[in-house]
């Protein structure tokens, strides 16, 4: 499916794009709020500054996608593959990222307040300056992650693997480490 076809259908009220192949699609600045892109292929797609509020990306493939400054508030990314994705300054407040793969993803200065990252793979992810206040990181893999200057106040870190993680300047005042 081409980006222009998706945008045209969205404009007519279509919201369900389950399984669509949008690999390398240019959707910069697009408004896809409320769309269903479950199991969609968005490898290398450009979603820079897109409005993706409440979008369902369950089990979608977003390897290497550019989501810089995208608004993913309340989005469902449960089981999504975001390996190497660029999420600089993205807004992921209250997003569902359970069991998602964010290996080596760049989340510099991203906002993940109240996000559910339970069992997420954040191995070697860059979360420098990210806001993870109130986030659920239970059983998350943060091995070798960069959490420098991140805000983890009131985050749930029960069972999280922080081996080799950079915690320099990280705010951990109220983090829960036990259940």
C-alpha atoms as a PDB file:
ATOM      1  CA  UNK A   1       0.000   0.000   0.000  1.00  0.00           C
ATOM      2  CA  UNK A   2       1.296   3.446  -0.854  1.00  0.00           C
ATOM      3  CA  UNK A   3       1.255   6.267   1.676  1.00  0.00           C
ATOM      4  CA  UNK A   4      -1.029   8.324  -0.590  1.00  0.00           C
ATOM      5  CA  UNK A   5      -3.538   5.460  -0.747  1.00  0.00           C
ATOM      6  CA  UNK A   6      -3.553   5.095   3.045  1.00  0.00           C
ATOM      7  CA  UNK A   7      -4.053   8.832   3.562  1.00  0.00           C
ATOM      8  CA  UNK A   8      -6.825   8.932   0.947  1.00  0.00           C
ATOM      9  CA  UNK A   9      -8.694   6.038   2.578  1.00  0.00           C
ATOM     10  CA  UNK A  10      -8.177   7.534   6.040  1.00  0.00           C
ATOM     11  CA  UNK A  11      -9.680  10.817   4.799  1.00  0.00           C
ATOM     12  CA  UNK A  12     -12.838   8.925   3.739  1.00  0.00           C
ATOM     13  CA  UNK A  13     -13.248   7.415   7.222  1.00  0.00           C
ATOM     14  CA  UNK A  14     -11.428   4.089   6.837  1.00  0.00           C
ATOM     15  CA  UNK A  15      -9.484   3.298  10.024  1.00  0.00           C
ATOM     16  CA  UNK A  16      -8.592  -0.398   9.763  1.00  0.00           C
ATOM     17  CA  UNK A  17      -5.305  -1.020   7.937  1.00  0.00           C
ATOM     18  CA  UNK A  18      -4.433  -4.299   9.654  1.00  0.00           C
ATOM     19  CA  UNK A  19      -1.505  -6.033   7.954  1.00  0.00           C
ATOM     20  CA  UNK A  20      -0.825  -3.194   5.500  1.00  0.00           C
ATOM     21  CA  UNK A  21       2.658  -3.085   3.984  1.00  0.00           C
ATOM     22  CA  UNK A  22       3.898   0.491   4.342  1.00  0.00           C
ATOM     23  CA  UNK A  23       7.597  -0.276   4.307  1.00  0.00           C
ATOM     24  CA  UNK A  24       9.634   2.917   3.673  1.00  0.00           C
ATOM     25  CA  UNK A  25       6.384   4.967   3.420  1.00  0.00           C
ATOM     26  CA  UNK A  26       6.642   8.719   3.897  1.00  0.00           C
ATOM     27  CA  UNK A  27       3.923   9.695   6.364  1.00  0.00           C
ATOM     28  CA  UNK A  28       5.705  12.695   7.848  1.00  0.00           C
ATOM     29  CA  UNK A  29       3.266  14.957   9.689  1.00  0.00           C
ATOM     30  CA  UNK A  30       0.292  12.702   8.847  1.00  0.00           C
ATOM     31  CA  UNK A  31      -2.771  12.544  11.085  1.00  0.00           C
ATOM     32  CA  UNK A  32      -3.645   8.873  11.601  1.00  0.00           C
ATOM     33  CA  UNK A  33      -5.224   9.291  15.032  1.00  0.00           C
ATOM     34  CA  UNK A  34      -7.306   6.242  15.964  1.00  0.00           C
ATOM     35  CA  UNK A  35      -6.132   4.104  13.039  1.00  0.00           C
ATOM     36  CA  UNK A  36      -5.643   0.351  13.359  1.00  0.00           C
ATOM     37  CA  UNK A  37      -2.284  -0.775  11.988  1.00  0.00           C
ATOM     38  CA  UNK A  38      -2.023  -4.097  13.806  1.00  0.00           C
ATOM     39  CA  UNK A  39       0.566  -6.428  12.238  1.00  0.00           C
ATOM     40  CA  UNK A  40       1.392  -3.719   9.665  1.00  0.00           C
ATOM     41  CA  UNK A  41       4.859  -3.519   8.141  1.00  0.00           C
ATOM     42  CA  UNK A  42       6.335  -0.047   8.567  1.00  0.00           C
ATOM     43  CA  UNK A  43      10.052  -0.870   8.283  1.00  0.00           C
ATOM     44  CA  UNK A  44      11.978   2.345   7.736  1.00  0.00           C
ATOM     45  CA  UNK A  45       8.770   4.399   7.459  1.00  0.00           C
ATOM     46  CA  UNK A  46       8.966   8.145   8.059  1.00  0.00           C
ATOM     47  CA  UNK A  47       6.379   9.080  10.700  1.00  0.00           C
ATOM     48  CA  UNK A  48       8.243  12.176  11.861  1.00  0.00           C
ATOM     49  CA  UNK A  49       5.877  14.585  13.684  1.00  0.00           C
ATOM     50  CA  UNK A  50       2.855  12.375  12.871  1.00  0.00           C
ATOM     51  CA  UNK A  51      -0.301  12.413  15.005  1.00  0.00           C
ATOM     52  CA  UNK A  52      -0.575   8.769  16.066  1.00  0.00           C
ATOM     53  CA  UNK A  53      -2.705   9.261  19.160  1.00  0.00           C
ATOM     54  CA  UNK A  54      -4.654   6.126  20.119  1.00  0.00           C
ATOM     55  CA  UNK A  55      -3.302   4.234  17.062  1.00  0.00           C
ATOM     56  CA  UNK A  56      -3.111   0.458  17.423  1.00  0.00           C
ATOM     57  CA  UNK A  57       0.243  -0.911  16.248  1.00  0.00           C
ATOM     58  CA  UNK A  58      -0.145  -4.266  18.030  1.00  0.00           C
ATOM     59  CA  UNK A  59       2.508  -6.678  16.713  1.00  0.00           C
ATOM     60  CA  UNK A  60       3.446  -4.189  13.967  1.00  0.00           C
ATOM     61  CA  UNK A  61       6.933  -4.113  12.464  1.00  0.00           C
ATOM     62  CA  UNK A  62       8.464  -0.638  12.840  1.00  0.00           C
ATOM     63  CA  UNK A  63      12.150  -1.594  12.496  1.00  0.00           C
ATOM     64  CA  UNK A  64      14.208   1.537  11.883  1.00  0.00           C
ATOM     65  CA  UNK A  65      11.096   3.732  11.577  1.00  0.00           C
ATOM     66  CA  UNK A  66      11.499   7.474  12.152  1.00  0.00           C
ATOM     67  CA  UNK A  67       9.009   8.538  14.832  1.00  0.00           C
ATOM     68  CA  UNK A  68      10.844  11.693  15.880  1.00  0.00           C
ATOM     69  CA  UNK A  69       8.463  14.074  17.678  1.00  0.00           C
ATOM     70  CA  UNK A  70       5.498  11.816  16.832  1.00  0.00           C
ATOM     71  CA  UNK A  71       2.535  11.896  19.222  1.00  0.00           C
ATOM     72  CA  UNK A  72       1.817   8.295  20.235  1.00  0.00           C
ATOM     73  CA  UNK A  73      -0.178   9.156  23.364  1.00  0.00           C
ATOM     74  CA  UNK A  74      -2.327   6.193  24.345  1.00  0.00           C
ATOM     75  CA  UNK A  75      -1.097   4.138  21.380  1.00  0.00           C
ATOM     76  CA  UNK A  76      -1.148   0.342  21.515  1.00  0.00           C
ATOM     77  CA  UNK A  77       2.327  -0.958  20.638  1.00  0.00           C
ATOM     78  CA  UNK A  78       1.889  -4.259  22.453  1.00  0.00           C
ATOM     79  CA  UNK A  79       4.354  -6.743  20.946  1.00  0.00           C
ATOM     80  CA  UNK A  80       5.519  -4.253  18.307  1.00  0.00           C
ATOM     81  CA  UNK A  81       9.017  -4.466  16.860  1.00  0.00           C
ATOM     82  CA  UNK A  82      10.761  -1.097  17.086  1.00  0.00           C
ATOM     83  CA  UNK A  83      14.326  -2.363  16.775  1.00  0.00           C
ATOM     84  CA  UNK A  84      16.527   0.619  15.919  1.00  0.00           C
ATOM     85  CA  UNK A  85      13.536   2.970  15.680  1.00  0.00           C
ATOM     86  CA  UNK A  86      14.098   6.701  16.161  1.00  0.00           C
ATOM     87  CA  UNK A  87      11.732   8.090  18.784  1.00  0.00           C
ATOM     88  CA  UNK A  88      13.591  11.272  19.740  1.00  0.00           C
ATOM     89  CA  UNK A  89      11.242  13.625  21.597  1.00  0.00           C
ATOM     90  CA  UNK A  90       8.285  11.335  20.827  1.00  0.00           C
ATOM     91  CA  UNK A  91       5.266  11.491  23.134  1.00  0.00           C
ATOM     92  CA  UNK A  92       4.287   8.039  24.396  1.00  0.00           C
ATOM     93  CA  UNK A  93       2.287   9.022  27.471  1.00  0.00           C
ATOM     94  CA  UNK A  94       0.080   6.126  28.632  1.00  0.00           C
ATOM     95  CA  UNK A  95       1.157   4.042  25.618  1.00  0.00           C
ATOM     96  CA  UNK A  96       0.991   0.250  25.821  1.00  0.00           C
ATOM     97  CA  UNK A  97       4.450  -1.103  24.969  1.00  0.00           C
ATOM     98  CA  UNK A  98       4.145  -4.448  26.732  1.00  0.00           C
ATOM     99  CA  UNK A  99       6.495  -7.062  25.298  1.00  0.00           C
ATOM    100  CA  UNK A 100       7.642  -4.660  22.576  1.00  0.00           C
ATOM    101  CA  UNK A 101      11.149  -4.847  21.123  1.00  0.00           C
ATOM    102  CA  UNK A 102      12.951  -1.511  21.436  1.00  0.00           C
ATOM    103  CA  UNK A 103      16.471  -2.924  21.085  1.00  0.00           C
ATOM    104  CA  UNK A 104      18.919  -0.088  20.286  1.00  0.00           C
ATOM    105  CA  UNK A 105      15.978   2.286  19.785  1.00  0.00           C
ATOM    106  CA  UNK A 106      16.681   5.981  20.246  1.00  0.00           C
ATOM    107  CA  UNK A 107      14.268   7.518  22.760  1.00  0.00           C
ATOM    108  CA  UNK A 108      16.303  10.609  23.634  1.00  0.00           C
ATOM    109  CA  UNK A 109      14.109  13.104  25.507  1.00  0.00           C
ATOM    110  CA  UNK A 110      10.992  11.009  24.777  1.00  0.00           C
ATOM    111  CA  UNK A 111       8.014  11.277  27.119  1.00  0.00           C
ATOM    112  CA  UNK A 112       6.818   7.880  28.381  1.00  0.00           C
ATOM    113  CA  UNK A 113       4.939   9.018  31.475  1.00  0.00           C
ATOM    114  CA  UNK A 114       2.594   6.273  32.744  1.00  0.00           C
ATOM    115  CA  UNK A 115       3.571   4.048  29.780  1.00  0.00           C
ATOM    116  CA  UNK A 116       3.318   0.283  30.173  1.00  0.00           C
ATOM    117  CA  UNK A 117       6.703  -1.240  29.258  1.00  0.00           C
ATOM    118  CA  UNK A 118       6.131  -4.477  31.134  1.00  0.00           C
ATOM    119  CA  UNK A 119       8.461  -7.170  29.725  1.00  0.00           C
ATOM    120  CA  UNK A 120       9.704  -4.787  27.006  1.00  0.00           C
ATOM    121  CA  UNK A 121      13.146  -5.314  25.488  1.00  0.00           C
ATOM    122  CA  UNK A 122      15.082  -2.043  25.807  1.00  0.00           C
ATOM    123  CA  UNK A 123      18.495  -3.656  25.432  1.00  0.00           C
ATOM    124  CA  UNK A 124      21.042  -0.937  24.534  1.00  0.00           C
ATOM    125  CA  UNK A 125      18.250   1.603  24.001  1.00  0.00           C
ATOM    126  CA  UNK A 126      19.078   5.290  24.373  1.00  0.00           C
ATOM    127  CA  UNK A 127      16.708   6.845  26.928  1.00  0.00           C
ATOM    128  CA  UNK A 128      18.913   9.850  27.657  1.00  0.00           C
ATOM    129  CA  UNK A 129      16.739  12.531  29.262  1.00  0.00           C
ATOM    130  CA  UNK A 130      13.543  10.490  28.783  1.00  0.00           C
ATOM    131  CA  UNK A 131      10.553  10.991  31.096  1.00  0.00           C
ATOM    132  CA  UNK A 132       9.577   7.551  32.426  1.00  0.00           C
ATOM    133  CA  UNK A 133       7.794   8.874  35.505  1.00  0.00           C
ATOM    134  CA  UNK A 134       5.114   6.452  36.618  1.00  0.00           C
ATOM    135  CA  UNK A 135       6.016   3.992  33.854  1.00  0.00           C
ATOM    136  CA  UNK A 136       5.662   0.251  34.391  1.00  0.00           C
ATOM    137  CA  UNK A 137       9.063  -1.290  33.582  1.00  0.00           C
ATOM    138  CA  UNK A 138       8.454  -4.539  35.475  1.00  0.00           C
ATOM    139  CA  UNK A 139      10.520  -7.395  34.050  1.00  0.00           C
ATOM    140  CA  UNK A 140      11.845  -5.058  31.307  1.00  0.00           C
ATOM    141  CA  UNK A 141      15.281  -5.720  29.844  1.00  0.00           C
ATOM    142  CA  UNK A 142      17.299  -2.519  30.194  1.00  0.00           C
ATOM    143  CA  UNK A 143      20.678  -4.224  29.772  1.00  0.00           C
ATOM    144  CA  UNK A 144      23.252  -1.667  28.575  1.00  0.00           C
ATOM    145  CA  UNK A 145      20.522   0.980  28.183  1.00  0.00           C
ATOM    146  CA  UNK A 146      21.436   4.655  28.501  1.00  0.00           C
ATOM    147  CA  UNK A 147      19.166   6.116  31.196  1.00  0.00           C
ATOM    148  CA  UNK A 148      21.374   9.143  31.813  1.00  0.00           C
ATOM    149  CA  UNK A 149      19.321  12.093  33.086  1.00  0.00           C
ATOM    150  CA  UNK A 150      16.095  10.050  32.734  1.00  0.00           C
ATOM    151  CA  UNK A 151      13.181  10.588  35.108  1.00  0.00           C
ATOM    152  CA  UNK A 152      12.177   7.281  36.711  1.00  0.00           C
ATOM    153  CA  UNK A 153      10.257   8.801  39.625  1.00  0.00           C
ATOM    154  CA  UNK A 154       7.428   6.479  40.686  1.00  0.00           C
ATOM    155  CA  UNK A 155       8.379   3.975  37.954  1.00  0.00           C
ATOM    156  CA  UNK A 156       7.886   0.261  38.605  1.00  0.00           C
ATOM    157  CA  UNK A 157      11.270  -1.458  38.137  1.00  0.00           C
ATOM    158  CA  UNK A 158      10.300  -4.784  39.752  1.00  0.00           C
ATOM    159  CA  UNK A 159      12.325  -7.550  38.151  1.00  0.00           C
ATOM    160  CA  UNK A 160      13.850  -5.194  35.575  1.00  0.00           C
ATOM    161  CA  UNK A 161      17.333  -6.034  34.311  1.00  0.00           C
ATOM    162  CA  UNK A 162      19.546  -2.946  34.629  1.00  0.00           C
ATOM    163  CA  UNK A 163      22.859  -4.744  34.125  1.00  0.00           C
ATOM    164  CA  UNK A 164      25.365  -2.402  32.479  1.00  0.00           C
ATOM    165  CA  UNK A 165      22.810   0.427  32.266  1.00  0.00           C
ATOM    166  CA  UNK A 166      24.010   4.023  32.509  1.00  0.00           C
ATOM    167  CA  UNK A 167      22.113   5.595  35.403  1.00  0.00           C
ATOM    168  CA  UNK A 168      24.208   8.763  35.696  1.00  0.00           C
ATOM    169  CA  UNK A 169      21.989  11.628  36.800  1.00  0.00           C
ATOM    170  CA  UNK A 170      18.864   9.459  36.701  1.00  0.00           C
ATOM    171  CA  UNK A 171      16.003  10.447  39.021  1.00  0.00           C
ATOM    172  CA  UNK A 172      14.986   7.374  41.023  1.00  0.00           C
ATOM    173  CA  UNK A 173      13.519   8.951  44.172  1.00  0.00           C
ATOM    174  CA  UNK A 174      10.179   7.167  44.283  1.00  0.00           C
ATOM    175  CA  UNK A 175      10.794   4.182  41.972  1.00  0.00           C
ATOM    176  CA  UNK A 176       9.258   0.887  43.048  1.00  0.00           C
ATOM    177  CA  UNK A 177      11.728  -1.962  42.912  1.00  0.00           C
ATOM    178  CA  UNK A 178       9.691  -4.525  44.825  1.00  0.00           C
ATOM    179  CA  UNK A 179       6.151  -5.711  44.326  1.00  0.00           C
END
